[in-house]
Amino acid sequence: MADGVRVEVSGADEVSAALGRVAAQAGAARGLYDNIGLSLVTSTQHRFETGTAPGGSPWPPSIRAMLQGGKTLIDSARLMQSMTFEASDAGVAVGTNVLYAAIHQQGGTIRPVSKPKLTFRIGKQWISALEVTIPARPFLGLDDDDAREIEALADDWLLGPRGAGDAH
């Protein structure tokens, strides 16, 4: 993920504290972080399907999606399918190595570097522009459902899967 985008979530103190306790109690936590990574990749890919940010707000629709139909950020699905994770005994990172991920995650303005104008195609029409502003369409990050899932995964990893009659 060296050339892509990576988001570190802060403010999830309860989740971080719970994960710290589990890791301290159980020693090597790689298996837990593998499970969390898989869950977060699935959650992130679901955001592409629903077109929503981690907080649930809808992404601004792309011009391509409005003109041609389809979903925003899923023309080829390359970005969505590139989501991956790296787990260790110390934690997990979720992200992508796709170079254009950052502009979509954070938003920004694209200007030409070596030519006077940007030239790109939308459908069958070629467009030239001095600059293009891409709105932020965040896909990486934790939402409340992710936090609950991480807590459940940590609980299951430490105590074993919950049975129908378990009270915890």
N, C-alpha and C. Protein backbone atom coordinates (compact mmCIF):
# COMPACT_ATOMS: atom_id res chain seq x y z
N MET A 1 0.81 -1.19 0.00
CA MET A 1 0.00 0.00 0.00
C MET A 1 0.85 1.26 0.00
N ALA A 2 2.12 1.15 -0.30
CA ALA A 2 3.04 2.27 -0.20
C ALA A 2 2.64 3.45 -1.07
N ASP A 3 2.11 3.22 -2.27
CA ASP A 3 1.79 4.31 -3.18
C ASP A 3 0.33 4.72 -3.12
N GLY A 4 -0.49 4.05 -2.35
CA GLY A 4 -1.91 4.32 -2.32
C GLY A 4 -2.30 5.25 -1.19
N VAL A 5 -3.45 4.99 -0.65
CA VAL A 5 -3.97 5.82 0.43
C VAL A 5 -4.23 4.93 1.64
N ARG A 6 -4.01 5.48 2.81
CA ARG A 6 -4.22 4.75 4.05
C ARG A 6 -4.84 5.72 5.04
N VAL A 7 -5.84 5.29 5.75
CA VAL A 7 -6.50 6.12 6.74
C VAL A 7 -6.31 5.46 8.09
N GLU A 8 -5.85 6.24 9.05
CA GLU A 8 -5.76 5.77 10.43
C GLU A 8 -6.90 6.42 11.19
N VAL A 9 -7.66 5.60 11.88
CA VAL A 9 -8.83 6.09 12.58
C VAL A 9 -8.45 6.42 14.02
N SER A 10 -8.81 7.62 14.43
CA SER A 10 -8.62 7.99 15.82
C SER A 10 -10.00 8.29 16.40
N GLY A 11 -10.08 8.33 17.69
CA GLY A 11 -11.36 8.62 18.31
C GLY A 11 -12.18 7.38 18.61
N ALA A 12 -11.73 6.22 18.20
CA ALA A 12 -12.44 4.98 18.51
C ALA A 12 -11.80 4.39 19.75
N ASP A 13 -11.76 5.17 20.83
CA ASP A 13 -11.03 4.81 22.04
C ASP A 13 -11.53 3.51 22.66
N GLU A 14 -12.84 3.32 22.71
CA GLU A 14 -13.35 2.10 23.32
C GLU A 14 -12.92 0.87 22.55
N VAL A 15 -12.99 0.95 21.22
CA VAL A 15 -12.58 -0.17 20.38
C VAL A 15 -11.09 -0.41 20.54
N SER A 16 -10.30 0.63 20.52
CA SER A 16 -8.85 0.49 20.68
C SER A 16 -8.49 -0.10 22.04
N ALA A 17 -9.17 0.36 23.08
CA ALA A 17 -8.90 -0.16 24.42
C ALA A 17 -9.26 -1.63 24.52
N ALA A 18 -10.41 -2.01 23.93
CA ALA A 18 -10.83 -3.42 23.95
C ALA A 18 -9.82 -4.28 23.20
N LEU A 19 -9.36 -3.79 22.05
CA LEU A 19 -8.37 -4.55 21.28
C LEU A 19 -7.06 -4.66 22.04
N GLY A 20 -6.67 -3.61 22.75
CA GLY A 20 -5.45 -3.64 23.54
C GLY A 20 -5.53 -4.67 24.66
N ARG A 21 -6.69 -4.74 25.32
CA ARG A 21 -6.87 -5.72 26.39
C ARG A 21 -6.80 -7.14 25.85
N VAL A 22 -7.47 -7.37 24.71
CA VAL A 22 -7.46 -8.70 24.11
C VAL A 22 -6.05 -9.09 23.73
N ALA A 23 -5.33 -8.18 23.10
CA ALA A 23 -3.96 -8.48 22.67
C ALA A 23 -3.07 -8.77 23.87
N ALA A 24 -3.23 -8.00 24.94
CA ALA A 24 -2.41 -8.22 26.15
C ALA A 24 -2.74 -9.56 26.80
N GLN A 25 -4.01 -9.93 26.81
CA GLN A 25 -4.42 -11.17 27.45
C GLN A 25 -4.04 -12.39 26.61
N ALA A 26 -4.09 -12.28 25.35
CA ALA A 26 -3.96 -13.46 24.49
C ALA A 26 -2.60 -13.57 23.82
N GLY A 27 -1.73 -12.60 23.99
CA GLY A 27 -0.43 -12.69 23.33
C GLY A 27 -0.53 -12.30 21.87
N ALA A 28 -0.02 -13.14 21.01
CA ALA A 28 0.00 -12.85 19.57
C ALA A 28 -1.43 -12.74 19.04
N ALA A 29 -1.74 -11.59 18.47
CA ALA A 29 -3.12 -11.31 18.04
C ALA A 29 -3.29 -11.30 16.53
N ARG A 30 -2.36 -11.87 15.79
CA ARG A 30 -2.44 -11.84 14.33
C ARG A 30 -3.76 -12.40 13.80
N GLY A 31 -4.24 -13.50 14.39
CA GLY A 31 -5.50 -14.09 13.94
C GLY A 31 -6.67 -13.13 14.10
N LEU A 32 -6.71 -12.42 15.20
CA LEU A 32 -7.75 -11.43 15.42
C LEU A 32 -7.67 -10.33 14.37
N TYR A 33 -6.47 -9.82 14.15
CA TYR A 33 -6.32 -8.72 13.18
C TYR A 33 -6.59 -9.18 11.75
N ASP A 34 -6.32 -10.44 11.44
CA ASP A 34 -6.73 -10.98 10.13
C ASP A 34 -8.24 -10.92 9.98
N ASN A 35 -8.96 -11.35 11.03
CA ASN A 35 -10.43 -11.32 10.99
C ASN A 35 -10.96 -9.90 10.87
N ILE A 36 -10.36 -8.98 11.60
CA ILE A 36 -10.78 -7.58 11.52
C ILE A 36 -10.50 -7.03 10.13
N GLY A 37 -9.34 -7.33 9.58
CA GLY A 37 -9.01 -6.87 8.22
C GLY A 37 -10.01 -7.37 7.20
N LEU A 38 -10.35 -8.65 7.26
CA LEU A 38 -11.34 -9.20 6.32
C LEU A 38 -12.68 -8.48 6.47
N SER A 39 -13.09 -8.25 7.71
CA SER A 39 -14.35 -7.58 7.96
C SER A 39 -14.35 -6.15 7.41
N LEU A 40 -13.25 -5.43 7.64
CA LEU A 40 -13.18 -4.04 7.18
C LEU A 40 -13.09 -3.93 5.66
N VAL A 41 -12.42 -4.87 5.01
CA VAL A 41 -12.39 -4.88 3.55
C VAL A 41 -13.81 -5.09 3.02
N THR A 42 -14.54 -6.03 3.60
CA THR A 42 -15.93 -6.28 3.18
C THR A 42 -16.78 -5.04 3.40
N SER A 43 -16.64 -4.40 4.55
CA SER A 43 -17.39 -3.20 4.86
C SER A 43 -17.06 -2.07 3.88
N THR A 44 -15.79 -1.92 3.58
CA THR A 44 -15.36 -0.87 2.64
C THR A 44 -15.93 -1.14 1.25
N GLN A 45 -15.88 -2.39 0.80
CA GLN A 45 -16.44 -2.71 -0.52
C GLN A 45 -17.94 -2.49 -0.55
N HIS A 46 -18.61 -2.72 0.57
CA HIS A 46 -20.05 -2.46 0.64
C HIS A 46 -20.35 -0.97 0.45
N ARG A 47 -19.44 -0.11 0.93
CA ARG A 47 -19.64 1.34 0.74
C ARG A 47 -19.65 1.71 -0.74
N PHE A 48 -18.85 1.01 -1.54
CA PHE A 48 -18.88 1.25 -2.98
C PHE A 48 -20.25 0.87 -3.55
N GLU A 49 -20.78 -0.24 -3.09
CA GLU A 49 -22.09 -0.70 -3.58
C GLU A 49 -23.20 0.27 -3.20
N THR A 50 -23.13 0.83 -1.99
CA THR A 50 -24.18 1.74 -1.52
C THR A 50 -23.89 3.21 -1.83
N GLY A 51 -22.64 3.52 -2.21
CA GLY A 51 -22.27 4.91 -2.50
C GLY A 51 -22.33 5.80 -1.28
N THR A 52 -21.86 5.27 -0.14
CA THR A 52 -21.93 6.04 1.09
C THR A 52 -20.58 6.09 1.80
N ALA A 53 -20.38 7.16 2.54
CA ALA A 53 -19.18 7.35 3.35
C ALA A 53 -19.31 6.52 4.63
N PRO A 54 -18.21 6.35 5.38
CA PRO A 54 -18.29 5.59 6.63
C PRO A 54 -19.36 6.10 7.60
N GLY A 55 -19.64 7.37 7.61
CA GLY A 55 -20.68 7.90 8.49
C GLY A 55 -22.09 7.72 7.96
N GLY A 56 -22.22 7.19 6.74
CA GLY A 56 -23.53 6.94 6.16
C GLY A 56 -24.01 8.00 5.18
N SER A 57 -23.28 9.12 5.07
CA SER A 57 -23.71 10.16 4.14
C SER A 57 -23.46 9.71 2.70
N PRO A 58 -24.40 10.03 1.80
CA PRO A 58 -24.24 9.60 0.41
C PRO A 58 -23.12 10.37 -0.30
N TRP A 59 -22.42 9.68 -1.19
CA TRP A 59 -21.41 10.34 -2.01
C TRP A 59 -22.11 11.21 -3.06
N PRO A 60 -21.49 12.33 -3.43
CA PRO A 60 -22.01 13.07 -4.57
C PRO A 60 -21.90 12.18 -5.81
N PRO A 61 -22.94 12.09 -6.63
CA PRO A 61 -22.85 11.23 -7.81
C PRO A 61 -21.83 11.78 -8.81
N SER A 62 -21.16 10.88 -9.48
CA SER A 62 -20.19 11.30 -10.50
C SER A 62 -20.94 11.66 -11.79
N ILE A 63 -20.31 12.49 -12.60
CA ILE A 63 -20.91 12.87 -13.88
C ILE A 63 -21.10 11.62 -14.74
N ARG A 64 -20.10 10.72 -14.74
CA ARG A 64 -20.22 9.50 -15.53
C ARG A 64 -21.42 8.67 -15.10
N ALA A 65 -21.62 8.50 -13.81
CA ALA A 65 -22.76 7.71 -13.33
C ALA A 65 -24.08 8.38 -13.70
N MET A 66 -24.13 9.71 -13.63
CA MET A 66 -25.37 10.41 -13.99
C MET A 66 -25.66 10.30 -15.48
N LEU A 67 -24.63 10.40 -16.33
CA LEU A 67 -24.84 10.37 -17.78
C LEU A 67 -25.01 8.96 -18.33
N GLN A 68 -24.27 8.02 -17.77
CA GLN A 68 -24.26 6.67 -18.35
C GLN A 68 -25.00 5.66 -17.50
N GLY A 69 -25.40 6.06 -16.32
CA GLY A 69 -25.98 5.09 -15.41
C GLY A 69 -24.87 4.39 -14.65
N GLY A 70 -25.23 3.46 -13.83
CA GLY A 70 -24.22 2.79 -13.03
C GLY A 70 -24.00 3.51 -11.72
N LYS A 71 -22.95 3.11 -11.04
CA LYS A 71 -22.67 3.64 -9.71
C LYS A 71 -21.39 4.46 -9.71
N THR A 72 -21.37 5.45 -8.85
CA THR A 72 -20.19 6.30 -8.68
C THR A 72 -19.03 5.46 -8.14
N LEU A 73 -17.85 5.66 -8.72
CA LEU A 73 -16.61 4.97 -8.37
C LEU A 73 -16.62 3.47 -8.70
N ILE A 74 -17.60 3.02 -9.48
CA ILE A 74 -17.61 1.61 -9.88
C ILE A 74 -17.79 1.51 -11.39
N ASP A 75 -16.96 2.18 -12.16
CA ASP A 75 -17.01 2.00 -13.61
C ASP A 75 -16.34 0.67 -13.96
N SER A 76 -15.10 0.51 -13.59
CA SER A 76 -14.39 -0.75 -13.83
C SER A 76 -14.35 -1.62 -12.58
N ALA A 77 -14.68 -1.06 -11.43
CA ALA A 77 -14.63 -1.71 -10.11
C ALA A 77 -13.19 -1.97 -9.65
N ARG A 78 -12.20 -1.42 -10.35
CA ARG A 78 -10.80 -1.64 -9.98
C ARG A 78 -10.51 -1.15 -8.56
N LEU A 79 -10.96 0.07 -8.25
CA LEU A 79 -10.69 0.63 -6.94
C LEU A 79 -11.36 -0.22 -5.85
N MET A 80 -12.61 -0.55 -6.03
CA MET A 80 -13.33 -1.34 -5.04
C MET A 80 -12.66 -2.70 -4.83
N GLN A 81 -12.26 -3.34 -5.91
CA GLN A 81 -11.66 -4.67 -5.81
C GLN A 81 -10.22 -4.64 -5.30
N SER A 82 -9.62 -3.47 -5.27
CA SER A 82 -8.22 -3.36 -4.81
C SER A 82 -8.10 -3.28 -3.29
N MET A 83 -9.22 -3.16 -2.59
CA MET A 83 -9.15 -3.04 -1.13
C MET A 83 -8.50 -4.28 -0.54
N THR A 84 -7.58 -4.05 0.37
CA THR A 84 -6.85 -5.15 0.99
C THR A 84 -6.46 -4.75 2.40
N PHE A 85 -5.85 -5.67 3.10
CA PHE A 85 -5.39 -5.37 4.45
C PHE A 85 -4.06 -6.04 4.70
N GLU A 86 -3.34 -5.47 5.66
CA GLU A 86 -2.08 -6.05 6.14
C GLU A 86 -2.22 -6.19 7.65
N ALA A 87 -2.16 -7.44 8.13
CA ALA A 87 -2.30 -7.69 9.56
C ALA A 87 -0.97 -8.16 10.14
N SER A 88 -0.77 -7.84 11.39
CA SER A 88 0.39 -8.31 12.15
C SER A 88 -0.08 -8.59 13.56
N ASP A 89 0.83 -8.95 14.44
CA ASP A 89 0.46 -9.13 15.85
C ASP A 89 0.13 -7.81 16.52
N ALA A 90 0.51 -6.70 15.91
CA ALA A 90 0.33 -5.38 16.52
C ALA A 90 -0.89 -4.62 16.01
N GLY A 91 -1.49 -5.02 14.89
CA GLY A 91 -2.62 -4.27 14.36
C GLY A 91 -2.92 -4.64 12.93
N VAL A 92 -3.76 -3.85 12.31
CA VAL A 92 -4.16 -4.09 10.93
C VAL A 92 -4.30 -2.75 10.21
N ALA A 93 -3.89 -2.72 8.95
CA ALA A 93 -4.06 -1.56 8.08
C ALA A 93 -4.93 -1.99 6.91
N VAL A 94 -5.91 -1.17 6.57
CA VAL A 94 -6.79 -1.45 5.44
C VAL A 94 -6.60 -0.32 4.44
N GLY A 95 -6.47 -0.67 3.17
CA GLY A 95 -6.27 0.36 2.16
C GLY A 95 -6.16 -0.22 0.78
N THR A 96 -5.52 0.54 -0.10
CA THR A 96 -5.39 0.19 -1.50
C THR A 96 -4.07 0.75 -2.02
N ASN A 97 -3.56 0.15 -3.09
CA ASN A 97 -2.37 0.69 -3.73
C ASN A 97 -2.72 1.40 -5.04
N VAL A 98 -3.99 1.63 -5.31
CA VAL A 98 -4.42 2.32 -6.52
C VAL A 98 -4.09 3.80 -6.37
N LEU A 99 -3.34 4.34 -7.31
CA LEU A 99 -2.83 5.70 -7.19
C LEU A 99 -3.92 6.77 -7.11
N TYR A 100 -5.03 6.58 -7.80
CA TYR A 100 -6.08 7.61 -7.79
C TYR A 100 -7.03 7.49 -6.59
N ALA A 101 -6.76 6.57 -5.68
CA ALA A 101 -7.62 6.40 -4.50
C ALA A 101 -7.67 7.66 -3.65
N ALA A 102 -6.52 8.29 -3.45
CA ALA A 102 -6.46 9.45 -2.54
C ALA A 102 -7.35 10.59 -3.00
N ILE A 103 -7.39 10.88 -4.30
CA ILE A 103 -8.21 11.99 -4.78
C ILE A 103 -9.69 11.70 -4.54
N HIS A 104 -10.08 10.44 -4.64
CA HIS A 104 -11.48 10.11 -4.39
C HIS A 104 -11.81 10.08 -2.90
N GLN A 105 -10.88 9.61 -2.08
CA GLN A 105 -11.08 9.58 -0.63
C GLN A 105 -11.16 10.99 -0.05
N GLN A 106 -10.24 11.85 -0.46
CA GLN A 106 -10.10 13.17 0.16
C GLN A 106 -10.68 14.31 -0.66
N GLY A 107 -10.87 14.09 -1.96
CA GLY A 107 -11.30 15.16 -2.85
C GLY A 107 -10.12 16.06 -3.19
N GLY A 108 -10.30 16.92 -4.17
CA GLY A 108 -9.25 17.85 -4.55
C GLY A 108 -9.41 18.31 -5.98
N THR A 109 -8.50 19.16 -6.40
CA THR A 109 -8.53 19.70 -7.76
C THR A 109 -7.37 19.14 -8.56
N ILE A 110 -7.67 18.67 -9.75
CA ILE A 110 -6.66 18.14 -10.67
C ILE A 110 -6.39 19.19 -11.73
N ARG A 111 -5.11 19.49 -11.93
CA ARG A 111 -4.69 20.45 -12.96
C ARG A 111 -3.69 19.77 -13.88
N PRO A 112 -3.62 20.20 -15.13
CA PRO A 112 -2.65 19.58 -16.05
C PRO A 112 -1.22 19.86 -15.62
N VAL A 113 -0.35 18.91 -15.87
CA VAL A 113 1.06 19.05 -15.51
C VAL A 113 1.90 19.37 -16.73
N SER A 114 1.71 18.62 -17.81
CA SER A 114 2.58 18.78 -18.97
C SER A 114 1.88 19.34 -20.19
N LYS A 115 0.59 19.58 -20.12
CA LYS A 115 -0.17 20.13 -21.25
C LYS A 115 -1.02 21.29 -20.75
N PRO A 116 -1.50 22.12 -21.66
CA PRO A 116 -2.28 23.27 -21.21
C PRO A 116 -3.66 22.91 -20.64
N LYS A 117 -4.23 21.77 -21.06
CA LYS A 117 -5.55 21.38 -20.59
C LYS A 117 -5.58 19.88 -20.29
N LEU A 118 -6.49 19.53 -19.42
CA LEU A 118 -6.80 18.13 -19.19
C LEU A 118 -7.73 17.66 -20.30
N THR A 119 -7.54 16.48 -20.79
CA THR A 119 -8.43 15.92 -21.80
C THR A 119 -8.82 14.52 -21.34
N PHE A 120 -10.12 14.28 -21.29
CA PHE A 120 -10.62 12.99 -20.84
C PHE A 120 -11.96 12.71 -21.51
N ARG A 121 -12.39 11.48 -21.42
CA ARG A 121 -13.61 11.06 -22.09
C ARG A 121 -14.66 10.66 -21.06
N ILE A 122 -15.88 11.10 -21.30
CA ILE A 122 -17.04 10.64 -20.55
C ILE A 122 -17.99 10.06 -21.59
N GLY A 123 -18.13 8.75 -21.54
CA GLY A 123 -18.91 8.07 -22.57
C GLY A 123 -18.19 8.19 -23.89
N LYS A 124 -18.87 8.72 -24.89
CA LYS A 124 -18.28 8.88 -26.22
C LYS A 124 -17.79 10.31 -26.45
N GLN A 125 -17.98 11.17 -25.47
CA GLN A 125 -17.64 12.58 -25.62
C GLN A 125 -16.30 12.90 -24.96
N TRP A 126 -15.43 13.61 -25.69
CA TRP A 126 -14.14 14.07 -25.15
C TRP A 126 -14.33 15.45 -24.54
N ILE A 127 -13.74 15.66 -23.40
CA ILE A 127 -13.85 16.91 -22.65
C ILE A 127 -12.44 17.49 -22.46
N SER A 128 -12.32 18.81 -22.57
CA SER A 128 -11.07 19.50 -22.24
C SER A 128 -11.40 20.51 -21.14
N ALA A 129 -10.51 20.59 -20.17
CA ALA A 129 -10.74 21.51 -19.06
C ALA A 129 -9.41 21.98 -18.49
N LEU A 130 -9.40 23.19 -17.93
CA LEU A 130 -8.20 23.71 -17.28
C LEU A 130 -7.96 23.01 -15.94
N GLU A 131 -9.04 22.60 -15.29
CA GLU A 131 -8.94 21.87 -14.04
C GLU A 131 -10.24 21.13 -13.79
N VAL A 132 -10.17 20.12 -12.95
CA VAL A 132 -11.36 19.35 -12.57
C VAL A 132 -11.32 19.20 -11.06
N THR A 133 -12.42 19.54 -10.41
CA THR A 133 -12.52 19.37 -8.96
C THR A 133 -13.29 18.09 -8.68
N ILE A 134 -12.66 17.22 -7.93
CA ILE A 134 -13.26 15.94 -7.54
C ILE A 134 -13.74 16.08 -6.10
N PRO A 135 -15.04 15.88 -5.85
CA PRO A 135 -15.50 15.95 -4.47
C PRO A 135 -15.01 14.74 -3.67
N ALA A 136 -14.86 14.90 -2.38
CA ALA A 136 -14.48 13.78 -1.53
C ALA A 136 -15.60 12.75 -1.52
N ARG A 137 -15.21 11.50 -1.71
CA ARG A 137 -16.13 10.36 -1.61
C ARG A 137 -15.43 9.33 -0.73
N PRO A 138 -15.40 9.58 0.59
CA PRO A 138 -14.64 8.71 1.48
C PRO A 138 -15.20 7.29 1.51
N PHE A 139 -14.31 6.34 1.39
CA PHE A 139 -14.69 4.93 1.45
C PHE A 139 -13.94 4.22 2.58
N LEU A 140 -12.78 4.73 2.98
CA LEU A 140 -12.02 4.14 4.08
C LEU A 140 -12.39 4.81 5.39
N GLY A 141 -12.45 4.03 6.45
CA GLY A 141 -12.76 4.56 7.77
C GLY A 141 -13.67 3.60 8.52
N LEU A 142 -13.87 3.90 9.78
CA LEU A 142 -14.73 3.08 10.63
C LEU A 142 -16.06 3.77 10.85
N ASP A 143 -17.14 3.00 10.82
CA ASP A 143 -18.43 3.52 11.24
C ASP A 143 -18.88 2.74 12.47
N ASP A 144 -20.06 3.05 12.98
CA ASP A 144 -20.54 2.40 14.20
C ASP A 144 -20.70 0.89 14.02
N ASP A 145 -21.17 0.47 12.84
CA ASP A 145 -21.31 -0.97 12.58
C ASP A 145 -19.95 -1.66 12.60
N ASP A 146 -18.93 -1.00 12.03
CA ASP A 146 -17.58 -1.57 12.05
C ASP A 146 -17.08 -1.72 13.48
N ALA A 147 -17.31 -0.70 14.30
CA ALA A 147 -16.86 -0.74 15.69
C ALA A 147 -17.52 -1.89 16.44
N ARG A 148 -18.83 -2.07 16.22
CA ARG A 148 -19.53 -3.18 16.88
C ARG A 148 -19.01 -4.52 16.38
N GLU A 149 -18.73 -4.63 15.10
CA GLU A 149 -18.21 -5.88 14.54
C GLU A 149 -16.82 -6.18 15.08
N ILE A 150 -15.99 -5.17 15.21
CA ILE A 150 -14.64 -5.37 15.76
C ILE A 150 -14.74 -5.85 17.21
N GLU A 151 -15.63 -5.24 17.97
CA GLU A 151 -15.81 -5.68 19.36
C GLU A 151 -16.29 -7.13 19.42
N ALA A 152 -17.21 -7.50 18.53
CA ALA A 152 -17.71 -8.88 18.50
C ALA A 152 -16.60 -9.84 18.08
N LEU A 153 -15.82 -9.47 17.09
CA LEU A 153 -14.71 -10.32 16.65
C LEU A 153 -13.69 -10.51 17.77
N ALA A 154 -13.39 -9.41 18.48
CA ALA A 154 -12.44 -9.51 19.59
C ALA A 154 -12.98 -10.41 20.68
N ASP A 155 -14.25 -10.26 20.99
CA ASP A 155 -14.89 -11.09 22.01
C ASP A 155 -14.87 -12.56 21.60
N ASP A 156 -15.27 -12.83 20.36
CA ASP A 156 -15.27 -14.21 19.86
C ASP A 156 -13.87 -14.79 19.83
N TRP A 157 -12.89 -13.98 19.44
CA TRP A 157 -11.51 -14.47 19.34
C TRP A 157 -10.96 -14.82 20.71
N LEU A 158 -11.30 -14.01 21.68
CA LEU A 158 -10.79 -14.23 23.02
C LEU A 158 -11.58 -15.32 23.77
N LEU A 159 -12.91 -15.28 23.64
CA LEU A 159 -13.76 -16.17 24.45
C LEU A 159 -14.36 -17.33 23.67
N GLY A 160 -14.19 -17.33 22.35
CA GLY A 160 -14.81 -18.35 21.51
C GLY A 160 -16.13 -17.84 20.97
N PRO A 161 -16.61 -18.44 19.88
CA PRO A 161 -17.89 -17.98 19.27
C PRO A 161 -19.03 -18.07 20.27
N ARG A 162 -19.94 -17.13 20.14
CA ARG A 162 -21.10 -17.09 21.03
C ARG A 162 -22.08 -18.17 20.61
N GLY A 163 -22.52 -18.94 21.58
CA GLY A 163 -23.56 -19.93 21.31
C GLY A 163 -24.92 -19.33 21.55
N ALA A 164 -25.96 -20.04 21.19
CA ALA A 164 -27.33 -19.54 21.33
C ALA A 164 -27.68 -19.29 22.79
N GLY A 165 -27.11 -20.08 23.70
CA GLY A 165 -27.45 -19.91 25.11
C GLY A 165 -26.47 -19.07 25.89
N ASP A 166 -25.41 -18.56 25.24
CA ASP A 166 -24.42 -17.75 25.96
C ASP A 166 -25.01 -16.41 26.36
N ALA A 167 -24.59 -15.93 27.51
CA ALA A 167 -25.12 -14.66 28.03
C ALA A 167 -24.19 -13.50 27.76
N HIS A 168 -23.01 -13.69 27.19
CA HIS A 168 -22.11 -12.54 27.02
C HIS A 168 -22.28 -11.86 25.70
